[in-house]
Amino acid sequence: MGHHLSIDEVNLSIDELYTIVTNKAAKGKKGSILAIIAGTKSEIVIKHLQKIDLKKHNQVTEITLDMANSMKLIAKKSFLKAIQLIDRFHVQKLALEAIQEVRIRLKLEALDQENTAIVEAKSNKTPFFFKRIF
């Protein structure tokens, strides 16, 4: 089974969700896929994973998953001795979304300041000079 597993859901087509458990040590080669389970409901996935020998479950020391509560529950109930790690993709996605929010907010603030400066220049009948802030 492997010591380092990954669990994630995949949407193959509209309303066709599957939960896939993989052995990370196999690196996409033979023995990578441990289980493909129709659906993502934690109780159904846990039930299927319980069919695997408990001794193998206890060998798992680490499981990588996304931030879905159902995946956390599956990992907690199925792999009692494993630590849970959030996958890098989801962490990077959150970080990029936060950076994008800040970038947009700062851009809008800069445009507001520029518009205010243009209005002031017109009312004072002075020329407006655009200043780059970067």
N, C-alpha and C. Protein backbone atom coordinates (compact mmCIF):
# COMPACT_ATOMS: atom_id res chain seq x y z
N MET A 1 0.83 -1.19 0.00
CA MET A 1 0.00 0.00 0.00
C MET A 1 0.87 1.25 0.00
N GLY A 2 1.94 1.28 0.75
CA GLY A 2 2.82 2.44 0.80
C GLY A 2 2.64 3.25 2.07
N HIS A 3 3.65 4.00 2.41
CA HIS A 3 3.63 4.83 3.62
C HIS A 3 3.07 6.22 3.35
N HIS A 4 3.15 6.67 2.10
CA HIS A 4 2.72 8.02 1.73
C HIS A 4 1.63 7.91 0.67
N LEU A 5 0.42 8.30 1.04
CA LEU A 5 -0.71 8.22 0.13
C LEU A 5 -1.24 9.61 -0.20
N SER A 6 -2.06 9.63 -1.24
CA SER A 6 -2.74 10.85 -1.65
C SER A 6 -4.20 10.49 -1.89
N ILE A 7 -5.09 11.38 -1.50
CA ILE A 7 -6.52 11.15 -1.73
C ILE A 7 -7.12 12.42 -2.32
N ASP A 8 -7.88 12.26 -3.38
CA ASP A 8 -8.48 13.42 -4.04
C ASP A 8 -9.71 12.97 -4.81
N GLU A 9 -10.54 13.94 -5.17
CA GLU A 9 -11.70 13.62 -5.98
C GLU A 9 -11.44 14.09 -7.40
N VAL A 10 -12.07 13.40 -8.34
CA VAL A 10 -11.95 13.76 -9.74
C VAL A 10 -13.35 13.75 -10.35
N ASN A 11 -13.59 14.72 -11.22
CA ASN A 11 -14.87 14.83 -11.91
C ASN A 11 -14.64 14.42 -13.36
N LEU A 12 -15.06 13.21 -13.72
CA LEU A 12 -14.84 12.71 -15.07
C LEU A 12 -15.81 13.29 -16.08
N SER A 13 -17.03 13.57 -15.66
CA SER A 13 -18.02 14.26 -16.49
C SER A 13 -19.06 14.84 -15.54
N ILE A 14 -20.06 15.47 -16.09
CA ILE A 14 -21.07 16.13 -15.26
C ILE A 14 -21.68 15.11 -14.30
N ASP A 15 -21.64 15.45 -13.01
CA ASP A 15 -22.20 14.62 -11.94
C ASP A 15 -21.60 13.22 -11.86
N GLU A 16 -20.36 13.06 -12.30
CA GLU A 16 -19.68 11.76 -12.20
C GLU A 16 -18.39 11.95 -11.40
N LEU A 17 -18.54 11.97 -10.07
CA LEU A 17 -17.40 12.19 -9.18
C LEU A 17 -16.85 10.87 -8.66
N TYR A 18 -15.54 10.81 -8.54
CA TYR A 18 -14.86 9.64 -8.00
C TYR A 18 -13.83 10.10 -6.98
N THR A 19 -13.58 9.26 -5.98
CA THR A 19 -12.51 9.48 -5.03
C THR A 19 -11.39 8.51 -5.40
N ILE A 20 -10.19 9.04 -5.52
CA ILE A 20 -9.04 8.23 -5.91
C ILE A 20 -8.00 8.27 -4.81
N VAL A 21 -7.54 7.09 -4.41
CA VAL A 21 -6.47 6.96 -3.42
C VAL A 21 -5.26 6.41 -4.15
N THR A 22 -4.13 7.12 -4.03
CA THR A 22 -2.92 6.71 -4.74
C THR A 22 -1.74 6.57 -3.79
N ASN A 23 -0.80 5.73 -4.22
CA ASN A 23 0.46 5.53 -3.52
C ASN A 23 1.47 6.49 -4.15
N LYS A 24 1.91 7.48 -3.39
CA LYS A 24 2.81 8.50 -3.93
C LYS A 24 4.18 7.93 -4.31
N ALA A 25 4.61 6.89 -3.63
CA ALA A 25 5.92 6.31 -3.90
C ALA A 25 6.00 5.70 -5.30
N ALA A 26 4.88 5.27 -5.86
CA ALA A 26 4.87 4.67 -7.19
C ALA A 26 5.05 5.69 -8.30
N LYS A 27 4.88 6.97 -7.97
CA LYS A 27 5.10 8.08 -8.91
C LYS A 27 4.40 7.89 -10.26
N GLY A 28 3.15 7.49 -10.21
CA GLY A 28 2.35 7.38 -11.42
C GLY A 28 2.56 6.11 -12.21
N LYS A 29 3.39 5.23 -11.73
CA LYS A 29 3.65 3.97 -12.44
C LYS A 29 2.81 2.85 -11.84
N LYS A 30 3.17 1.60 -12.12
CA LYS A 30 2.45 0.43 -11.63
C LYS A 30 2.32 0.49 -10.10
N GLY A 31 1.13 0.24 -9.61
CA GLY A 31 0.87 0.25 -8.17
C GLY A 31 0.50 1.62 -7.62
N SER A 32 0.35 2.60 -8.49
CA SER A 32 0.00 3.95 -8.04
C SER A 32 -1.43 4.04 -7.52
N ILE A 33 -2.35 3.46 -8.24
CA ILE A 33 -3.76 3.58 -7.87
C ILE A 33 -4.13 2.46 -6.90
N LEU A 34 -4.54 2.85 -5.71
CA LEU A 34 -4.96 1.89 -4.69
C LEU A 34 -6.46 1.69 -4.70
N ALA A 35 -7.21 2.76 -5.00
CA ALA A 35 -8.66 2.65 -5.01
C ALA A 35 -9.26 3.76 -5.85
N ILE A 36 -10.29 3.40 -6.60
CA ILE A 36 -11.13 4.36 -7.31
C ILE A 36 -12.56 4.06 -6.85
N ILE A 37 -13.15 5.01 -6.16
CA ILE A 37 -14.46 4.78 -5.54
C ILE A 37 -15.46 5.79 -6.10
N ALA A 38 -16.58 5.28 -6.57
CA ALA A 38 -17.62 6.15 -7.12
C ALA A 38 -18.17 7.03 -6.00
N GLY A 39 -18.16 8.33 -6.22
CA GLY A 39 -18.69 9.28 -5.26
C GLY A 39 -17.61 9.84 -4.34
N THR A 40 -18.02 10.84 -3.55
CA THR A 40 -17.09 11.48 -2.62
C THR A 40 -17.64 11.53 -1.20
N LYS A 41 -18.79 10.92 -0.98
CA LYS A 41 -19.37 10.94 0.37
C LYS A 41 -18.47 10.13 1.30
N SER A 42 -18.09 10.76 2.40
CA SER A 42 -17.10 10.17 3.28
C SER A 42 -17.51 8.78 3.78
N GLU A 43 -18.77 8.60 4.16
CA GLU A 43 -19.18 7.30 4.71
C GLU A 43 -19.04 6.18 3.69
N ILE A 44 -19.32 6.47 2.41
CA ILE A 44 -19.20 5.45 1.36
C ILE A 44 -17.73 5.13 1.10
N VAL A 45 -16.90 6.17 1.02
CA VAL A 45 -15.47 5.97 0.76
C VAL A 45 -14.84 5.21 1.92
N ILE A 46 -15.16 5.59 3.15
CA ILE A 46 -14.61 4.92 4.34
C ILE A 46 -14.99 3.44 4.32
N LYS A 47 -16.25 3.16 3.99
CA LYS A 47 -16.73 1.78 3.94
C LYS A 47 -15.90 0.94 2.96
N HIS A 48 -15.61 1.49 1.79
CA HIS A 48 -14.82 0.77 0.80
C HIS A 48 -13.37 0.61 1.26
N LEU A 49 -12.82 1.65 1.86
CA LEU A 49 -11.42 1.57 2.31
C LEU A 49 -11.25 0.60 3.47
N GLN A 50 -12.31 0.38 4.24
CA GLN A 50 -12.23 -0.56 5.36
C GLN A 50 -12.07 -2.01 4.88
N LYS A 51 -12.31 -2.26 3.62
CA LYS A 51 -12.12 -3.61 3.06
C LYS A 51 -10.64 -3.96 2.94
N ILE A 52 -9.79 -2.94 2.97
CA ILE A 52 -8.35 -3.16 2.91
C ILE A 52 -7.88 -3.58 4.30
N ASP A 53 -6.94 -4.51 4.35
CA ASP A 53 -6.41 -5.05 5.60
C ASP A 53 -5.96 -3.93 6.54
N LEU A 54 -6.38 -4.00 7.80
CA LEU A 54 -6.06 -2.99 8.81
C LEU A 54 -4.55 -2.83 8.98
N LYS A 55 -3.81 -3.93 8.85
CA LYS A 55 -2.35 -3.88 8.97
C LYS A 55 -1.76 -2.92 7.93
N LYS A 56 -2.31 -2.95 6.74
CA LYS A 56 -1.84 -2.05 5.67
C LYS A 56 -2.22 -0.60 5.98
N HIS A 57 -3.40 -0.40 6.53
CA HIS A 57 -3.83 0.94 6.91
C HIS A 57 -2.86 1.55 7.92
N ASN A 58 -2.44 0.74 8.87
CA ASN A 58 -1.56 1.22 9.94
C ASN A 58 -0.14 1.51 9.46
N GLN A 59 0.23 1.05 8.27
CA GLN A 59 1.55 1.34 7.71
C GLN A 59 1.62 2.73 7.10
N VAL A 60 0.47 3.31 6.84
CA VAL A 60 0.42 4.65 6.22
C VAL A 60 0.80 5.69 7.27
N THR A 61 1.85 6.47 6.97
CA THR A 61 2.32 7.48 7.92
C THR A 61 1.93 8.90 7.50
N GLU A 62 1.59 9.06 6.23
CA GLU A 62 1.30 10.41 5.72
C GLU A 62 0.29 10.31 4.59
N ILE A 63 -0.70 11.22 4.61
CA ILE A 63 -1.68 11.26 3.54
C ILE A 63 -1.89 12.71 3.11
N THR A 64 -1.76 12.93 1.82
CA THR A 64 -1.91 14.26 1.24
C THR A 64 -3.32 14.38 0.68
N LEU A 65 -3.98 15.51 0.99
CA LEU A 65 -5.35 15.71 0.56
C LEU A 65 -5.63 17.18 0.34
N ASP A 66 -6.79 17.46 -0.25
CA ASP A 66 -7.18 18.86 -0.39
C ASP A 66 -7.87 19.31 0.89
N MET A 67 -8.46 20.47 0.88
CA MET A 67 -9.00 21.04 2.11
C MET A 67 -10.47 20.71 2.36
N ALA A 68 -11.03 19.81 1.56
CA ALA A 68 -12.43 19.43 1.74
C ALA A 68 -12.60 18.66 3.05
N ASN A 69 -13.62 19.02 3.80
CA ASN A 69 -13.88 18.36 5.08
C ASN A 69 -14.13 16.86 4.91
N SER A 70 -14.76 16.48 3.80
CA SER A 70 -15.02 15.05 3.57
C SER A 70 -13.71 14.28 3.43
N MET A 71 -12.73 14.87 2.75
CA MET A 71 -11.43 14.19 2.58
C MET A 71 -10.69 14.10 3.92
N LYS A 72 -10.81 15.13 4.74
CA LYS A 72 -10.19 15.10 6.07
C LYS A 72 -10.79 13.98 6.91
N LEU A 73 -12.10 13.83 6.85
CA LEU A 73 -12.78 12.79 7.62
C LEU A 73 -12.38 11.41 7.12
N ILE A 74 -12.32 11.24 5.81
CA ILE A 74 -11.91 9.96 5.23
C ILE A 74 -10.51 9.60 5.72
N ALA A 75 -9.59 10.55 5.65
CA ALA A 75 -8.21 10.30 6.07
C ALA A 75 -8.16 9.97 7.56
N LYS A 76 -8.90 10.71 8.36
CA LYS A 76 -8.89 10.52 9.81
C LYS A 76 -9.44 9.15 10.20
N LYS A 77 -10.54 8.74 9.58
CA LYS A 77 -11.18 7.47 9.93
C LYS A 77 -10.49 6.26 9.31
N SER A 78 -9.88 6.43 8.14
CA SER A 78 -9.30 5.29 7.43
C SER A 78 -7.83 5.06 7.73
N PHE A 79 -7.11 6.12 8.03
CA PHE A 79 -5.67 6.01 8.24
C PHE A 79 -5.32 6.67 9.57
N LEU A 80 -5.59 5.94 10.64
CA LEU A 80 -5.52 6.47 12.00
C LEU A 80 -4.14 7.00 12.39
N LYS A 81 -3.07 6.37 11.90
CA LYS A 81 -1.72 6.73 12.31
C LYS A 81 -1.06 7.75 11.38
N ALA A 82 -1.75 8.11 10.32
CA ALA A 82 -1.16 9.00 9.31
C ALA A 82 -1.38 10.47 9.66
N ILE A 83 -0.35 11.28 9.40
CA ILE A 83 -0.54 12.72 9.51
C ILE A 83 -1.15 13.21 8.20
N GLN A 84 -1.92 14.26 8.29
CA GLN A 84 -2.59 14.81 7.11
C GLN A 84 -1.84 16.05 6.63
N LEU A 85 -1.57 16.09 5.33
CA LEU A 85 -0.92 17.23 4.71
C LEU A 85 -1.84 17.79 3.63
N ILE A 86 -1.96 19.11 3.58
CA ILE A 86 -2.74 19.75 2.51
C ILE A 86 -1.86 19.80 1.27
N ASP A 87 -2.43 19.44 0.13
CA ASP A 87 -1.60 19.40 -1.08
C ASP A 87 -1.18 20.80 -1.52
N ARG A 88 -0.03 20.86 -2.14
CA ARG A 88 0.60 22.12 -2.54
C ARG A 88 -0.27 22.92 -3.50
N PHE A 89 -0.96 22.25 -4.40
CA PHE A 89 -1.80 22.95 -5.38
C PHE A 89 -2.81 23.85 -4.69
N HIS A 90 -3.50 23.33 -3.67
CA HIS A 90 -4.54 24.11 -3.01
C HIS A 90 -3.96 25.24 -2.16
N VAL A 91 -2.81 25.00 -1.56
CA VAL A 91 -2.16 26.06 -0.78
C VAL A 91 -1.72 27.19 -1.72
N GLN A 92 -1.10 26.83 -2.84
CA GLN A 92 -0.67 27.84 -3.81
C GLN A 92 -1.86 28.60 -4.38
N LYS A 93 -2.95 27.90 -4.64
CA LYS A 93 -4.14 28.55 -5.17
C LYS A 93 -4.66 29.61 -4.21
N LEU A 94 -4.74 29.26 -2.92
CA LEU A 94 -5.19 30.22 -1.91
C LEU A 94 -4.26 31.43 -1.83
N ALA A 95 -2.96 31.17 -1.86
CA ALA A 95 -1.98 32.26 -1.78
C ALA A 95 -2.11 33.18 -2.99
N LEU A 96 -2.24 32.61 -4.17
CA LEU A 96 -2.38 33.43 -5.38
C LEU A 96 -3.67 34.23 -5.38
N GLU A 97 -4.75 33.65 -4.89
CA GLU A 97 -6.01 34.38 -4.80
C GLU A 97 -5.88 35.56 -3.84
N ALA A 98 -5.19 35.36 -2.72
CA ALA A 98 -5.00 36.45 -1.75
C ALA A 98 -4.15 37.56 -2.35
N ILE A 99 -3.08 37.19 -3.05
CA ILE A 99 -2.22 38.18 -3.70
C ILE A 99 -3.00 38.95 -4.76
N GLN A 100 -3.82 38.25 -5.52
CA GLN A 100 -4.63 38.91 -6.56
C GLN A 100 -5.60 39.91 -5.94
N GLU A 101 -6.21 39.56 -4.81
CA GLU A 101 -7.12 40.50 -4.13
C GLU A 101 -6.40 41.77 -3.72
N VAL A 102 -5.21 41.62 -3.15
CA VAL A 102 -4.42 42.78 -2.71
C VAL A 102 -4.02 43.61 -3.92
N ARG A 103 -3.57 42.94 -5.00
CA ARG A 103 -3.14 43.65 -6.21
C ARG A 103 -4.29 44.48 -6.78
N ILE A 104 -5.48 43.90 -6.86
CA ILE A 104 -6.64 44.62 -7.40
C ILE A 104 -7.02 45.79 -6.50
N ARG A 105 -7.02 45.57 -5.18
CA ARG A 105 -7.35 46.65 -4.24
C ARG A 105 -6.37 47.81 -4.39
N LEU A 106 -5.06 47.50 -4.46
CA LEU A 106 -4.06 48.56 -4.60
C LEU A 106 -4.19 49.29 -5.93
N LYS A 107 -4.50 48.55 -6.99
CA LYS A 107 -4.69 49.17 -8.31
C LYS A 107 -5.88 50.14 -8.27
N LEU A 108 -6.98 49.71 -7.66
CA LEU A 108 -8.16 50.58 -7.57
C LEU A 108 -7.87 51.82 -6.73
N GLU A 109 -7.13 51.65 -5.64
CA GLU A 109 -6.75 52.80 -4.81
C GLU A 109 -5.89 53.78 -5.61
N ALA A 110 -4.94 53.25 -6.39
CA ALA A 110 -4.08 54.11 -7.21
C ALA A 110 -4.90 54.86 -8.26
N LEU A 111 -5.87 54.17 -8.87
CA LEU A 111 -6.72 54.83 -9.87
C LEU A 111 -7.57 55.91 -9.23
N ASP A 112 -8.08 55.65 -8.02
CA ASP A 112 -8.85 56.67 -7.31
C ASP A 112 -7.99 57.90 -7.02
N GLN A 113 -6.75 57.68 -6.57
CA GLN A 113 -5.85 58.80 -6.29
C GLN A 113 -5.54 59.58 -7.56
N GLU A 114 -5.34 58.85 -8.66
CA GLU A 114 -5.06 59.52 -9.93
C GLU A 114 -6.26 60.34 -10.39
N ASN A 115 -7.46 59.77 -10.29
CA ASN A 115 -8.67 60.50 -10.69
C ASN A 115 -8.88 61.74 -9.84
N THR A 116 -8.61 61.62 -8.54
CA THR A 116 -8.72 62.77 -7.64
C THR A 116 -7.73 63.85 -8.06
N ALA A 117 -6.50 63.45 -8.38
CA ALA A 117 -5.48 64.40 -8.80
C ALA A 117 -5.86 65.08 -10.12
N ILE A 118 -6.48 64.36 -11.03
CA ILE A 118 -6.91 64.93 -12.32
C ILE A 118 -8.00 65.98 -12.08
N VAL A 119 -8.97 65.64 -11.22
CA VAL A 119 -10.06 66.58 -10.92
C VAL A 119 -9.50 67.83 -10.26
N GLU A 120 -8.57 67.67 -9.31
CA GLU A 120 -7.95 68.82 -8.64
C GLU A 120 -7.18 69.69 -9.64
N ALA A 121 -6.46 69.04 -10.54
CA ALA A 121 -5.69 69.79 -11.54
C ALA A 121 -6.63 70.60 -12.44
N LYS A 122 -7.75 70.00 -12.84
CA LYS A 122 -8.71 70.72 -13.68
C LYS A 122 -9.33 71.90 -12.93
N SER A 123 -9.69 71.67 -11.67
CA SER A 123 -10.32 72.75 -10.90
C SER A 123 -9.33 73.88 -10.60
N ASN A 124 -8.05 73.55 -10.47
CA ASN A 124 -7.01 74.56 -10.22
C ASN A 124 -6.43 75.12 -11.52
N LYS A 125 -6.92 74.57 -12.64
CA LYS A 125 -6.43 74.98 -13.97
C LYS A 125 -4.90 74.84 -14.07
N THR A 126 -4.43 73.70 -13.55
CA THR A 126 -3.00 73.39 -13.65
C THR A 126 -2.86 72.09 -14.42
N PRO A 127 -1.73 71.91 -15.07
CA PRO A 127 -1.56 70.66 -15.83
C PRO A 127 -1.42 69.46 -14.88
N PHE A 128 -1.92 68.34 -15.34
CA PHE A 128 -1.79 67.12 -14.57
C PHE A 128 -0.64 66.31 -15.15
N PHE A 129 0.25 65.86 -14.29
CA PHE A 129 1.37 65.03 -14.72
C PHE A 129 1.22 63.64 -14.06
N PHE A 130 1.19 62.63 -14.91
CA PHE A 130 1.06 61.27 -14.41
C PHE A 130 2.37 60.81 -13.81
N LYS A 131 2.30 60.29 -12.58
CA LYS A 131 3.49 59.79 -11.90
C LYS A 131 3.38 58.28 -11.77
N ARG A 132 4.39 57.59 -12.24
CA ARG A 132 4.42 56.13 -12.06
C ARG A 132 4.84 55.83 -10.62
N ILE A 133 4.13 54.87 -9.99
CA ILE A 133 4.47 54.55 -8.61
C ILE A 133 5.27 53.26 -8.51
N PHE A 134 5.63 52.69 -9.64
CA PHE A 134 6.44 51.45 -9.60
C PHE A 134 7.63 51.57 -10.49
